[in-house]
Amino acid sequence: MTPIALRPPRHGEVAAKTDANPDGKGANGFMLDWYQSAPRSVVAKPQRQVLAEFFTSMLVLSATFKYKPVVGVPNYLYWINGEWNLSLIAPDEWSQERRENFAGTCILQADRTWTIAPCEVLAGRNPVSDAVRRFYEAFEQMLHTNLTLEEVLPFCVWQMPYYQRLNANALSRSIRSTIILGNQTSISCREWQRLLPGLEQMLLGSSA
């Protein structure tokens, strides 16, 4: 599993225009969602915290979900049938099989980044922890470029479902604002890559 669902437009790539939203959202509904998803309480952060929150947020937004996440409400991340799923149903409300595939509790923050409280299953070697590790490795590889972090943010990824795409854009706006506030613009992704914290700290979405 890789962050392919959140692949940002390649350098020079222009997304095709469309006359209608394939998810059935009208212009008014989209503008309301756009306003409601605007990042709030954005502050400057250490570079490693920026990376950790970028990683955890991309992991969450690569999951399948068909609802509008709410700030501060717990969401639950599962690895099921070879893909990530985000749900409002807690693991103790699922079957044993679902509980075994639980990765962690995810919280959407006011600045539209996500944090993850990882499940203890990630401490061992199993399909869930292996999937997270592959995602981490793909994230690391994504940063292996001379583009700046601002240039690889997923502002507009048309192949993503509506709510994932909306939240990916909100995340991108948030990280860009954080970078500007922290005087961290124009730093190449390769330089950011050297500052990657360990996987456990990435999952916590905190600075190292």
Protein backbone atom coordinates (compact mmCIF):
# COMPACT_ATOMS: atom_id res chain seq x y z
CA MET A 1 0.00 0.00 0.00
CA THR A 2 1.40 3.38 -1.02
CA PRO A 3 0.20 6.97 -0.77
CA ILE A 4 -0.80 6.78 -4.45
CA ALA A 5 -4.35 7.96 -3.63
CA LEU A 6 -2.83 11.21 -2.47
CA ARG A 7 -0.40 11.66 -5.33
CA PRO A 8 -0.06 15.41 -5.87
CA PRO A 9 -0.14 16.73 -9.43
CA ARG A 10 3.25 16.23 -11.06
CA HIS A 11 5.30 19.32 -11.78
CA GLY A 12 3.65 21.09 -14.73
CA GLU A 13 0.59 18.85 -14.67
CA VAL A 14 -2.77 20.60 -15.02
CA ALA A 15 -5.98 18.96 -13.88
CA ALA A 16 -8.72 18.79 -16.49
CA LYS A 17 -11.67 21.10 -15.93
CA THR A 18 -15.11 19.65 -15.45
CA ASP A 19 -18.57 21.19 -15.63
CA ALA A 20 -20.03 19.09 -12.87
CA ASN A 21 -18.91 17.47 -9.66
CA PRO A 22 -18.93 13.68 -10.17
CA ASP A 23 -19.92 13.25 -6.52
CA GLY A 24 -23.16 15.18 -7.04
CA LYS A 25 -22.18 18.23 -5.00
CA GLY A 26 -23.65 21.48 -6.34
CA ALA A 27 -21.71 24.73 -6.34
CA ASN A 28 -23.43 26.03 -3.20
CA GLY A 29 -22.85 22.79 -1.30
CA PHE A 30 -19.23 22.72 -2.35
CA MET A 31 -18.62 26.33 -1.29
CA LEU A 32 -20.16 25.62 2.12
CA ASP A 33 -17.97 22.55 2.55
CA TRP A 34 -14.96 24.57 1.38
CA TYR A 35 -15.64 27.25 3.99
CA GLN A 36 -16.28 24.73 6.78
CA SER A 37 -13.07 22.87 5.98
CA ALA A 38 -10.89 25.98 6.15
CA PRO A 39 -7.91 25.44 8.49
CA ARG A 40 -8.20 27.27 11.79
CA SER A 41 -5.73 27.93 14.60
CA VAL A 42 -2.77 27.38 12.28
CA VAL A 43 0.58 28.07 13.95
CA ALA A 44 4.27 27.64 13.13
CA LYS A 45 5.61 24.19 14.04
CA PRO A 46 8.99 22.42 14.12
CA GLN A 47 9.83 20.74 10.81
CA ARG A 48 9.61 17.24 12.22
CA GLN A 49 6.13 17.94 13.54
CA VAL A 50 5.11 19.25 10.13
CA LEU A 51 6.35 16.00 8.56
CA ALA A 52 4.68 13.82 11.19
CA GLU A 53 1.32 15.52 10.74
CA PHE A 54 1.69 15.38 6.95
CA PHE A 55 2.35 11.64 7.12
CA THR A 56 -0.46 10.76 9.53
CA SER A 57 -2.90 12.93 7.61
CA MET A 58 -2.00 11.31 4.29
CA LEU A 59 -2.40 7.87 5.84
CA VAL A 60 -5.87 8.72 7.13
CA LEU A 61 -6.97 10.37 3.88
CA SER A 62 -5.84 7.37 1.83
CA ALA A 63 -8.58 5.39 3.61
CA THR A 64 -12.03 4.70 2.25
CA PHE A 65 -14.80 6.72 3.95
CA LYS A 66 -18.04 8.31 2.72
CA TYR A 67 -18.86 10.79 5.47
CA LYS A 68 -17.74 14.27 6.52
CA PRO A 69 -15.21 14.00 9.38
CA VAL A 70 -15.82 16.37 12.29
CA VAL A 71 -13.09 18.12 14.25
CA GLY A 72 -12.43 16.43 17.60
CA VAL A 73 -14.58 13.34 16.94
CA PRO A 74 -12.77 9.97 17.14
CA ASN A 75 -12.46 8.02 13.90
CA TYR A 76 -11.09 4.49 13.70
CA LEU A 77 -8.62 3.29 11.09
CA TYR A 78 -8.68 -0.33 9.90
CA TRP A 79 -6.66 -2.37 7.41
CA ILE A 80 -9.22 -4.62 5.71
CA ASN A 81 -8.91 -6.68 2.54
CA GLY A 82 -5.76 -4.91 1.46
CA GLU A 83 -6.95 -1.34 1.90
CA TRP A 84 -7.39 1.30 4.59
CA ASN A 85 -10.86 2.01 5.91
CA LEU A 86 -11.89 4.88 8.19
CA SER A 87 -14.98 4.36 10.34
CA LEU A 88 -16.94 5.98 13.16
CA ILE A 89 -17.45 2.51 14.63
CA ALA A 90 -15.02 1.65 17.44
CA PRO A 91 -13.16 -1.69 17.35
CA ASP A 92 -15.06 -3.08 20.37
CA GLU A 93 -18.28 -2.69 18.36
CA TRP A 94 -16.96 -4.82 15.51
CA SER A 95 -16.26 -8.50 15.08
CA GLN A 96 -13.04 -10.09 16.31
CA GLU A 97 -11.67 -9.98 12.77
CA ARG A 98 -12.19 -6.24 12.56
CA ARG A 99 -10.63 -5.70 15.98
CA GLU A 100 -7.52 -7.55 14.85
CA ASN A 101 -7.22 -5.16 11.88
CA PHE A 102 -7.55 -1.97 13.93
CA ALA A 103 -4.62 0.44 13.46
CA GLY A 104 -5.49 3.41 15.64
CA THR A 105 -7.82 6.21 16.70
CA CYS A 106 -7.68 9.25 14.43
CA ILE A 107 -8.63 12.79 15.39
CA LEU A 108 -9.15 15.66 12.96
CA GLN A 109 -7.67 18.84 14.40
CA ALA A 110 -8.94 22.40 13.93
CA ASP A 111 -6.04 23.14 11.56
CA ARG A 112 -7.25 20.18 9.40
CA THR A 113 -4.29 17.94 10.19
CA TRP A 114 -4.85 14.48 11.65
CA THR A 115 -3.25 12.79 14.63
CA ILE A 116 -3.29 9.05 15.31
CA ALA A 117 -3.18 7.25 18.63
CA PRO A 118 -1.77 3.93 17.37
CA CYS A 119 -3.14 0.60 18.53
CA GLU A 120 -0.77 -1.73 20.37
CA VAL A 121 -0.99 -4.15 17.41
CA LEU A 122 1.43 -1.85 15.54
CA ALA A 123 4.18 -2.73 18.01
CA GLY A 124 4.46 -6.23 16.49
CA ARG A 125 4.85 -7.66 12.99
CA ASN A 126 1.50 -8.38 11.41
CA PRO A 127 -0.46 -7.35 8.27
CA VAL A 128 -1.54 -4.04 9.84
CA SER A 129 1.92 -2.93 10.96
CA ASP A 130 3.40 -4.13 7.65
CA ALA A 131 0.87 -1.97 5.77
CA VAL A 132 1.77 1.08 7.85
CA ARG A 133 5.46 0.47 7.28
CA ARG A 134 4.97 0.22 3.51
CA PHE A 135 3.07 3.49 3.58
CA TYR A 136 5.88 5.10 5.56
CA GLU A 137 8.45 3.87 3.05
CA ALA A 138 6.37 5.21 0.15
CA PHE A 139 6.01 8.54 1.94
CA GLU A 140 9.77 8.69 2.39
CA GLN A 141 10.25 7.94 -1.29
CA MET A 142 7.79 10.67 -2.25
CA LEU A 143 10.11 13.18 -0.57
CA HIS A 144 13.05 12.02 -2.69
CA THR A 145 12.81 15.01 -5.03
CA ASN A 146 14.22 18.49 -5.45
CA LEU A 147 10.71 19.96 -5.46
CA THR A 148 9.71 21.92 -2.38
CA LEU A 149 7.24 20.52 0.13
CA GLU A 150 4.70 23.10 -1.02
CA GLU A 151 4.91 21.67 -4.55
CA VAL A 152 4.06 18.11 -3.51
CA LEU A 153 1.10 18.94 -1.25
CA PRO A 154 -2.11 17.28 -2.52
CA PHE A 155 -4.09 20.45 -3.27
CA CYS A 156 -6.13 18.83 -6.01
CA VAL A 157 -6.23 15.08 -6.63
CA TRP A 158 -9.20 14.50 -8.90
CA GLN A 159 -9.28 10.72 -8.62
CA MET A 160 -9.96 10.91 -4.88
CA PRO A 161 -13.56 10.64 -3.59
CA TYR A 162 -15.20 13.93 -2.59
CA TYR A 163 -14.56 14.05 1.16
CA GLN A 164 -11.02 12.76 0.84
CA ARG A 165 -10.30 15.33 -1.87
CA LEU A 166 -11.87 18.15 0.15
CA ASN A 167 -9.87 17.26 3.27
CA ALA A 168 -6.65 16.77 1.29
CA ASN A 169 -7.02 20.30 -0.02
CA ALA A 170 -7.71 21.63 3.48
CA LEU A 171 -4.64 19.77 4.75
CA SER A 172 -2.54 21.30 1.99
CA ARG A 173 -3.75 24.80 2.82
CA SER A 174 -2.93 24.18 6.46
CA ILE A 175 0.59 22.87 5.89
CA ARG A 176 1.38 25.65 3.43
CA SER A 177 0.28 28.25 6.01
CA THR A 178 2.31 26.51 8.72
CA ILE A 179 5.39 26.49 6.51
CA ILE A 180 4.99 30.19 5.74
CA LEU A 181 4.55 31.06 9.42
CA GLY A 182 7.64 29.04 10.29
CA ASN A 183 9.81 30.60 7.56
CA GLN A 184 10.25 27.12 6.09
CA THR A 185 9.36 27.87 2.47
CA SER A 186 11.54 26.94 -0.50
CA ILE A 187 13.14 24.03 1.35
CA SER A 188 13.57 21.02 -0.95
CA CYS A 189 11.81 17.77 -0.12
CA ARG A 190 15.20 16.06 0.09
CA GLU A 191 16.09 18.34 2.99
CA TRP A 192 12.79 17.59 4.66
CA GLN A 193 13.40 13.89 4.06
CA ARG A 194 16.56 14.00 6.17
CA LEU A 195 14.47 15.15 9.14
CA LEU A 196 11.98 12.29 9.04
CA PRO A 197 11.24 11.12 12.59
CA GLY A 198 10.79 7.45 13.41
CA LEU A 199 7.61 5.66 12.44
CA GLU A 200 6.16 5.68 15.97
CA GLN A 201 6.57 9.44 16.23
CA MET A 202 5.12 9.89 12.75
CA LEU A 203 1.99 8.02 13.82
CA LEU A 204 1.59 10.17 16.89
CA GLY A 205 1.74 13.24 14.70
CA SER A 206 4.06 14.95 17.15
CA SER A 207 7.51 16.49 17.02
CA ALA A 208 10.58 14.38 17.69
